[in-house]
Amino acid sequence: MKILEYDEKLTFKSKYYDEEAVFLDIETTGLSPMRSFIYLIGLVFIDLKKVTMHITQLIAENRDEEEEIIKLTKEKLKGYKTVVTYNGNSFDLPFIAKRSERYGIEPIAMDSFDMYEKLRLHKDTLKLDGLKQKNIEKKLGITREDRYNGGECISFYKDYVKNKNQESFDRFVLHNYDDLLYMPATMSILDLLDEKITIDIDGRKYKFDKHSIKKDILMIDFTTDMGINTYVEETGYLIEEDEERRHLEFTLKTGYMKDARKVKYLEKSSLSSLKSEDFDGEDLVEEGIVPIRIQNKLFIRNIIKLGSI
């Protein structure tokens, strides 16, 4: 096993930074934890007082050392409350859990904060080219040295194991290092997102929390610490609010475009009390219609705007 450690300056700021949280990113020889294994586990510990971050990379130089790097990771996570990942709830953490089970190692018992889950609805809201970590970095003006993807790094790792090729080693290590180096920076985009999903109603701030569509009913929830007790029921929509939450329900209409795509929408005339008259996707539908969903494409910015009705 190899252990690489670095100290770097924490150059971005975010209200989401927490010294009791550890950033984590893994590299594996494939997507299936049944047939593949973890060859690198990377961790980032931040120090807000010193404005620094400590990066640790635990590298299994062969398959037999996987158990060792998992055990050492658990040791290093002791005393911390939260593990922060990018799409880790779907990949990194279940993969570690499955490989840990193979060795009889207790799973990681920590809270999880997955940045991807916070961002996955908001590609259009943030005007992102995509939702990979590199897309977030591009939005933040970050240019990384690493030019490779995870699939290419598997080949580099296998070449290193077989031939001890230092260039291959440097390539897969750099790929993971850059992921780790820019994970705290990536988190700072959540501050920008908060600005985009917060609405103002008469000086009171409301932050978009969640939505759901059940049959023809669109339900939207906002959180707030400035709310008022109110209940409004009009034709086509309902508003219920207390000091902590604003809940809205809208009755959607269904139609079809010329190419047979299904559209869930609201009529603009029923939203006359909304300050905004600018909605996404209006160029795709007939005049006077606010699209909420066209087939599987959700117009989340339109949903957020409805909160201020």
Protein backbone atom coordinates (compact mmCIF):
# COMPACT_ATOMS: atom_id res chain seq x y z
CA MET A 1 0.00 0.00 0.00
CA LYS A 2 1.12 3.53 -0.74
CA ILE A 3 -0.01 6.62 1.16
CA LEU A 4 0.35 10.05 -0.43
CA GLU A 5 -0.37 13.23 1.53
CA TYR A 6 -0.51 16.91 0.56
CA ASP A 7 -1.41 20.21 2.20
CA GLU A 8 -3.10 22.79 0.00
CA LYS A 9 -4.66 26.24 0.38
CA LEU A 10 -8.46 26.35 0.60
CA THR A 11 -9.11 28.97 -2.07
CA PHE A 12 -12.92 28.87 -2.27
CA LYS A 13 -15.52 29.81 0.34
CA SER A 14 -18.83 28.15 1.17
CA LYS A 15 -21.31 28.26 4.02
CA TYR A 16 -21.53 24.48 3.57
CA TYR A 17 -17.93 23.87 4.72
CA ASP A 18 -17.75 21.92 7.97
CA GLU A 19 -14.63 20.78 9.80
CA GLU A 20 -16.54 17.71 11.02
CA ALA A 21 -17.01 16.61 7.40
CA VAL A 22 -14.57 14.68 5.17
CA PHE A 23 -14.63 14.70 1.37
CA LEU A 24 -14.25 11.22 -0.16
CA ASP A 25 -13.66 9.92 -3.69
CA ILE A 26 -12.74 6.40 -4.80
CA GLU A 27 -11.22 4.83 -7.91
CA THR A 28 -12.25 1.30 -8.87
CA THR A 29 -11.33 -1.26 -11.54
CA GLY A 30 -14.94 -1.33 -12.80
CA LEU A 31 -18.53 -0.41 -11.98
CA SER A 32 -19.58 -3.66 -10.29
CA PRO A 33 -18.46 -4.26 -6.68
CA MET A 34 -19.03 -7.98 -7.27
CA ARG A 35 -16.43 -8.19 -10.04
CA SER A 36 -14.22 -5.15 -9.41
CA PHE A 37 -12.29 -3.69 -6.48
CA ILE A 38 -11.22 -0.35 -5.03
CA TYR A 39 -7.65 0.58 -5.84
CA LEU A 40 -7.59 4.14 -4.46
CA ILE A 41 -9.47 5.97 -1.72
CA GLY A 42 -8.97 9.72 -1.50
CA LEU A 43 -9.89 11.92 1.46
CA VAL A 44 -9.90 15.67 2.06
CA PHE A 45 -9.91 17.22 5.56
CA ILE A 46 -10.45 20.98 5.80
CA ASP A 47 -9.19 23.41 8.43
CA LEU A 48 -11.26 26.61 8.35
CA LYS A 49 -9.02 28.48 10.79
CA LYS A 50 -5.87 27.90 8.77
CA VAL A 51 -7.86 28.03 5.49
CA THR A 52 -6.17 24.82 4.35
CA MET A 53 -7.07 21.32 3.30
CA HIS A 54 -5.19 18.08 3.86
CA ILE A 55 -5.43 15.53 1.05
CA THR A 56 -4.73 11.83 1.64
CA GLN A 57 -4.59 9.13 -1.03
CA LEU A 58 -4.57 5.47 0.01
CA ILE A 59 -3.45 3.28 -2.89
CA ALA A 60 -3.73 -0.51 -3.14
CA GLU A 61 -0.75 -1.64 -5.22
CA ASN A 62 -2.59 -4.88 -5.94
CA ARG A 63 -5.98 -6.47 -5.28
CA ASP A 64 -4.81 -8.01 -1.99
CA GLU A 65 -4.27 -4.55 -0.46
CA GLU A 66 -7.88 -3.42 -0.94
CA GLU A 67 -8.88 -4.65 2.52
CA GLU A 68 -6.02 -2.67 4.05
CA ILE A 69 -6.98 0.66 2.45
CA ILE A 70 -10.64 0.20 3.46
CA LYS A 71 -9.65 -0.47 7.09
CA LEU A 72 -7.30 2.52 7.14
CA THR A 73 -10.03 4.73 5.67
CA LYS A 74 -12.36 3.77 8.51
CA GLU A 75 -9.63 4.66 11.00
CA LYS A 76 -9.08 8.06 9.43
CA LEU A 77 -12.82 8.82 9.45
CA LYS A 78 -13.14 8.30 13.20
CA GLY A 79 -14.26 11.46 14.98
CA TYR A 80 -15.90 12.96 11.91
CA LYS A 81 -19.66 13.20 11.46
CA THR A 82 -20.27 13.54 7.71
CA VAL A 83 -18.78 12.13 4.53
CA VAL A 84 -19.11 14.44 1.51
CA THR A 85 -19.14 12.98 -2.00
CA TYR A 86 -20.08 13.78 -5.57
CA ASN A 87 -22.59 11.09 -6.60
CA GLY A 88 -21.30 9.01 -3.72
CA ASN A 89 -24.71 7.88 -2.49
CA SER A 90 -25.18 6.04 -5.77
CA PHE A 91 -21.63 4.82 -6.33
CA ASP A 92 -18.78 5.40 -3.85
CA LEU A 93 -20.55 4.55 -0.59
CA PRO A 94 -22.48 1.46 -1.79
CA PHE A 95 -19.28 0.22 -3.47
CA ILE A 96 -17.29 0.62 -0.24
CA ALA A 97 -20.10 -1.05 1.73
CA LYS A 98 -20.16 -4.06 -0.59
CA ARG A 99 -16.39 -4.48 -0.59
CA SER A 100 -16.30 -4.02 3.21
CA GLU A 101 -18.88 -6.79 3.58
CA ARG A 102 -16.57 -9.09 1.62
CA TYR A 103 -13.91 -8.67 4.31
CA GLY A 104 -16.25 -8.63 7.31
CA ILE A 105 -15.57 -4.92 7.91
CA GLU A 106 -18.33 -2.88 9.54
CA PRO A 107 -19.81 -0.34 7.10
CA ILE A 108 -19.06 3.38 7.42
CA ALA A 109 -21.59 4.76 9.92
CA MET A 110 -21.65 8.46 9.11
CA ASP A 111 -24.08 11.00 7.72
CA SER A 112 -23.76 11.46 3.98
CA PHE A 113 -23.86 14.69 1.99
CA ASP A 114 -24.00 14.04 -1.76
CA MET A 115 -23.42 17.23 -3.79
CA TYR A 116 -24.72 15.61 -6.97
CA GLU A 117 -28.10 14.96 -5.36
CA LYS A 118 -28.35 18.65 -4.49
CA LEU A 119 -27.52 19.67 -8.07
CA ARG A 120 -29.17 17.02 -10.25
CA LEU A 121 -32.40 19.00 -10.81
CA HIS A 122 -30.61 22.26 -11.48
CA LYS A 123 -28.53 21.83 -14.63
CA ASP A 124 -30.62 24.47 -16.39
CA THR A 125 -30.97 26.65 -13.29
CA LEU A 126 -27.18 27.00 -13.12
CA LYS A 127 -26.73 26.93 -16.91
CA LEU A 128 -24.36 23.96 -16.77
CA ASP A 129 -23.15 21.97 -19.79
CA GLY A 130 -23.59 18.78 -17.77
CA LEU A 131 -23.55 17.43 -14.24
CA LYS A 132 -20.12 15.82 -14.06
CA GLN A 133 -17.72 17.32 -11.53
CA LYS A 134 -15.67 18.75 -14.41
CA ASN A 135 -18.77 20.65 -15.63
CA ILE A 136 -19.07 22.29 -12.21
CA GLU A 137 -15.38 23.16 -12.24
CA LYS A 138 -15.76 24.76 -15.68
CA LYS A 139 -18.64 26.89 -14.37
CA LEU A 140 -16.37 28.05 -11.52
CA GLY A 141 -13.51 28.89 -13.89
CA ILE A 142 -11.31 25.97 -12.85
CA THR A 143 -8.95 24.35 -15.37
CA ARG A 144 -7.42 21.11 -14.14
CA GLU A 145 -4.17 19.48 -15.26
CA ASP A 146 -5.75 16.02 -15.47
CA ARG A 147 -6.99 15.16 -18.98
CA TYR A 148 -8.17 11.62 -18.27
CA ASN A 149 -11.41 9.97 -17.20
CA GLY A 150 -12.03 7.15 -14.75
CA GLY A 151 -12.16 4.51 -17.48
CA GLU A 152 -8.76 5.48 -18.85
CA CYS A 153 -7.32 5.43 -15.33
CA ILE A 154 -8.25 1.76 -14.96
CA SER A 155 -5.86 0.99 -17.82
CA PHE A 156 -3.17 3.12 -16.21
CA TYR A 157 -3.63 1.30 -12.89
CA LYS A 158 -3.44 -2.14 -14.50
CA ASP A 159 -0.29 -1.11 -16.36
CA TYR A 160 1.25 0.07 -13.10
CA VAL A 161 0.40 -3.17 -11.28
CA LYS A 162 1.83 -5.28 -14.09
CA ASN A 163 4.83 -3.23 -15.19
CA LYS A 164 5.39 -0.73 -12.35
CA ASN A 165 5.19 2.03 -14.94
CA GLN A 166 5.70 5.32 -13.08
CA GLU A 167 4.03 7.40 -15.79
CA SER A 168 0.85 5.32 -15.52
CA PHE A 169 0.97 5.66 -11.73
CA ASP A 170 1.30 9.43 -11.98
CA ARG A 171 -1.66 9.64 -14.37
CA PHE A 172 -4.24 7.83 -12.24
CA VAL A 173 -2.98 9.51 -9.07
CA LEU A 174 -3.28 12.95 -10.69
CA HIS A 175 -6.83 12.20 -11.84
CA ASN A 176 -7.93 11.37 -8.30
CA TYR A 177 -5.86 14.20 -6.80
CA ASP A 178 -7.61 16.76 -9.02
CA ASP A 179 -11.03 15.32 -8.10
CA LEU A 180 -10.10 15.74 -4.44
CA LEU A 181 -8.46 19.14 -4.82
CA TYR A 182 -11.54 20.63 -6.47
CA MET A 183 -14.27 18.89 -4.45
CA PRO A 184 -14.38 21.69 -1.85
CA ALA A 185 -14.46 24.19 -4.72
CA THR A 186 -17.33 22.25 -6.28
CA MET A 187 -19.25 22.58 -3.03
CA SER A 188 -19.15 26.35 -3.34
CA ILE A 189 -21.55 26.15 -6.28
CA LEU A 190 -24.24 25.23 -3.78
CA ASP A 191 -24.05 28.80 -2.47
CA LEU A 192 -24.71 30.06 -5.99
CA LEU A 193 -27.56 27.57 -6.32
CA ASP A 194 -29.14 28.85 -3.11
CA GLU A 195 -29.30 32.31 -4.65
CA LYS A 196 -30.96 30.90 -7.79
CA ILE A 197 -33.61 28.89 -5.92
CA THR A 198 -34.51 31.53 -3.35
CA ILE A 199 -37.52 33.75 -3.99
CA ASP A 200 -38.48 37.01 -2.31
CA ILE A 201 -42.07 37.80 -1.32
CA ASP A 202 -42.49 41.22 0.28
CA GLY A 203 -39.01 41.01 1.83
CA ARG A 204 -39.42 37.44 3.08
CA LYS A 205 -36.99 34.82 1.73
CA TYR A 206 -38.14 31.35 0.67
CA LYS A 207 -35.76 28.56 -0.42
CA PHE A 208 -36.99 25.87 -2.81
CA ASP A 209 -36.92 22.50 -1.07
CA LYS A 210 -38.71 19.87 -3.16
CA HIS A 211 -41.50 19.18 -5.61
CA SER A 212 -43.58 16.24 -6.79
CA ILE A 213 -46.17 15.60 -9.49
CA LYS A 214 -48.90 13.10 -8.65
CA LYS A 215 -51.34 12.60 -11.52
CA ASP A 216 -52.27 16.20 -12.37
CA ILE A 217 -51.28 17.83 -9.07
CA LEU A 218 -47.97 19.69 -8.82
CA MET A 219 -46.83 20.10 -5.20
CA ILE A 220 -44.02 22.51 -4.27
CA ASP A 221 -42.39 23.15 -0.89
CA PHE A 222 -40.17 26.03 0.21
CA THR A 223 -38.40 26.46 3.54
CA THR A 224 -38.21 29.78 5.36
CA ASP A 225 -37.63 31.33 8.77
CA MET A 226 -39.73 34.37 7.91
CA GLY A 227 -43.06 32.85 6.93
CA ILE A 228 -46.57 33.89 7.97
CA ASN A 229 -49.62 31.81 8.77
CA THR A 230 -51.88 31.86 5.73
CA TYR A 231 -54.13 29.67 3.61
CA VAL A 232 -55.31 30.61 0.12
CA GLU A 233 -57.39 28.46 -2.21
CA GLU A 234 -58.13 29.72 -5.70
CA THR A 235 -59.29 28.04 -8.88
CA GLY A 236 -56.39 25.85 -9.98
CA TYR A 237 -54.05 26.34 -7.02
CA LEU A 238 -53.66 26.30 -3.23
CA ILE A 239 -51.18 28.01 -0.91
CA GLU A 240 -50.57 26.99 2.70
CA GLU A 241 -47.88 28.69 4.76
CA ASP A 242 -46.62 28.84 8.33
CA GLU A 243 -43.51 30.28 9.98
CA GLU A 244 -41.21 27.57 8.53
CA ARG A 245 -42.68 26.31 5.26
CA ARG A 246 -44.59 27.47 2.19
CA HIS A 247 -46.55 24.71 0.43
CA LEU A 248 -48.25 25.15 -2.95
CA GLU A 249 -50.39 22.90 -5.11
CA PHE A 250 -51.34 23.48 -8.74
CA THR A 251 -53.71 21.55 -10.98
CA LEU A 252 -51.85 20.86 -14.20
CA LYS A 253 -53.33 20.46 -17.65
CA THR A 254 -52.14 17.89 -20.19
CA GLY A 255 -51.65 18.38 -23.90
CA TYR A 256 -49.61 17.06 -26.79
CA MET A 257 -47.15 18.76 -29.12
CA LYS A 258 -47.16 18.27 -32.88
CA ASP A 259 -44.48 15.59 -32.52
CA ALA A 260 -46.72 13.73 -29.99
CA ARG A 261 -44.67 14.64 -26.91
CA LYS A 262 -46.82 14.96 -23.79
CA VAL A 263 -46.87 18.35 -22.06
CA LYS A 264 -47.88 19.10 -18.47
CA TYR A 265 -48.60 22.81 -18.27
CA LEU A 266 -50.39 25.76 -16.69
CA GLU A 267 -52.20 28.54 -18.49
CA LYS A 268 -50.48 31.89 -18.10
CA SER A 269 -53.80 33.62 -17.56
CA SER A 270 -54.29 31.66 -14.31
CA LEU A 271 -50.97 33.01 -12.99
CA SER A 272 -51.69 36.72 -13.38
CA SER A 273 -50.50 37.51 -9.84
CA LEU A 274 -46.98 36.29 -10.62
CA LYS A 275 -44.45 39.10 -11.02
CA SER A 276 -42.41 37.14 -13.57
CA GLU A 277 -43.65 36.86 -17.13
CA ASP A 278 -40.51 35.15 -18.40
CA PHE A 279 -40.70 31.35 -18.32
CA ASP A 280 -38.43 28.64 -19.73
CA GLY A 281 -39.62 26.65 -22.71
CA GLU A 282 -42.26 29.14 -23.87
CA ASP A 283 -40.76 29.05 -27.35
CA LEU A 284 -41.56 25.34 -27.54
CA VAL A 285 -45.30 25.55 -26.88
CA GLU A 286 -48.32 27.59 -27.91
CA GLU A 287 -48.64 31.17 -26.70
CA GLY A 288 -50.12 31.59 -23.24
CA ILE A 289 -48.80 28.28 -21.90
CA VAL A 290 -46.24 27.74 -19.12
CA PRO A 291 -44.63 24.29 -19.59
CA ILE A 292 -43.90 22.32 -16.42
CA ARG A 293 -42.80 19.08 -18.07
CA ILE A 294 -42.40 18.03 -21.70
CA GLN A 295 -42.02 14.24 -21.76
CA ASN A 296 -39.16 13.70 -19.25
CA LYS A 297 -37.77 17.25 -19.38
CA LEU A 298 -38.70 19.15 -16.23
CA PHE A 299 -38.70 22.96 -16.23
CA ILE A 300 -37.53 23.38 -12.65
CA ARG A 301 -37.00 27.16 -12.92
CA ASN A 302 -40.67 27.54 -13.84
CA ILE A 303 -41.64 25.50 -10.79
CA ILE A 304 -39.52 27.72 -8.52
CA LYS A 305 -41.08 30.86 -9.97
CA LEU A 306 -44.55 29.55 -9.11
CA GLY A 307 -43.64 29.86 -5.43
CA SER A 308 -44.12 33.63 -5.50
CA ILE A 309 -47.74 33.55 -6.69
